[in-house]
């Protein structure tokens, strides 16, 4: 696994978690 691929995976997972948290708690941005 290359560094770029690992970094892209971490960023994608982080964005997904952020979106889930924002959608689950709309009053907390």
C-alpha atoms as a PDB file:
ATOM      1  CA  UNK A   1       0.000   0.000   0.000  1.00  0.00           C
ATOM      2  CA  UNK A   2       1.432   3.339  -1.038  1.00  0.00           C
ATOM      3  CA  UNK A   3       1.442   6.404   1.209  1.00  0.00           C
ATOM      4  CA  UNK A   4      -0.912   8.324  -1.107  1.00  0.00           C
ATOM      5  CA  UNK A   5      -3.468   5.503  -1.058  1.00  0.00           C
ATOM      6  CA  UNK A   6      -3.332   5.246   2.740  1.00  0.00           C
ATOM      7  CA  UNK A   7      -3.681   9.024   3.111  1.00  0.00           C
ATOM      8  CA  UNK A   8      -6.659   9.074   0.734  1.00  0.00           C
ATOM      9  CA  UNK A   9      -8.310   6.282   2.747  1.00  0.00           C
ATOM     10  CA  UNK A  10      -7.823   8.120   6.044  1.00  0.00           C
ATOM     11  CA  UNK A  11      -9.239  11.340   4.568  1.00  0.00           C
ATOM     12  CA  UNK A  12     -12.246   9.495   3.100  1.00  0.00           C
ATOM     13  CA  UNK A  13     -13.004   7.769   6.427  1.00  0.00           C
ATOM     14  CA  UNK A  14     -12.613  11.055   8.287  1.00  0.00           C
ATOM     15  CA  UNK A  15     -15.053  12.817   5.949  1.00  0.00           C
ATOM     16  CA  UNK A  16     -17.589   9.996   6.293  1.00  0.00           C
ATOM     17  CA  UNK A  17     -17.387  10.091  10.097  1.00  0.00           C
ATOM     18  CA  UNK A  18     -17.695  13.896  10.056  1.00  0.00           C
ATOM     19  CA  UNK A  19     -20.777  13.760   7.826  1.00  0.00           C
ATOM     20  CA  UNK A  20     -22.413  11.109  10.033  1.00  0.00           C
ATOM     21  CA  UNK A  21     -21.761  13.166  13.185  1.00  0.00           C
ATOM     22  CA  UNK A  22     -23.140  16.341  11.577  1.00  0.00           C
ATOM     23  CA  UNK A  23     -26.238  14.535  10.309  1.00  0.00           C
ATOM     24  CA  UNK A  24     -26.866  12.782  13.625  1.00  0.00           C
ATOM     25  CA  UNK A  25     -26.406  16.011  15.621  1.00  0.00           C
ATOM     26  CA  UNK A  26     -27.567  18.921  13.431  1.00  0.00           C
ATOM     27  CA  UNK A  27     -27.330  21.386  16.314  1.00  0.00           C
ATOM     28  CA  UNK A  28     -23.570  20.728  16.664  1.00  0.00           C
ATOM     29  CA  UNK A  29     -21.457  21.871  13.709  1.00  0.00           C
END
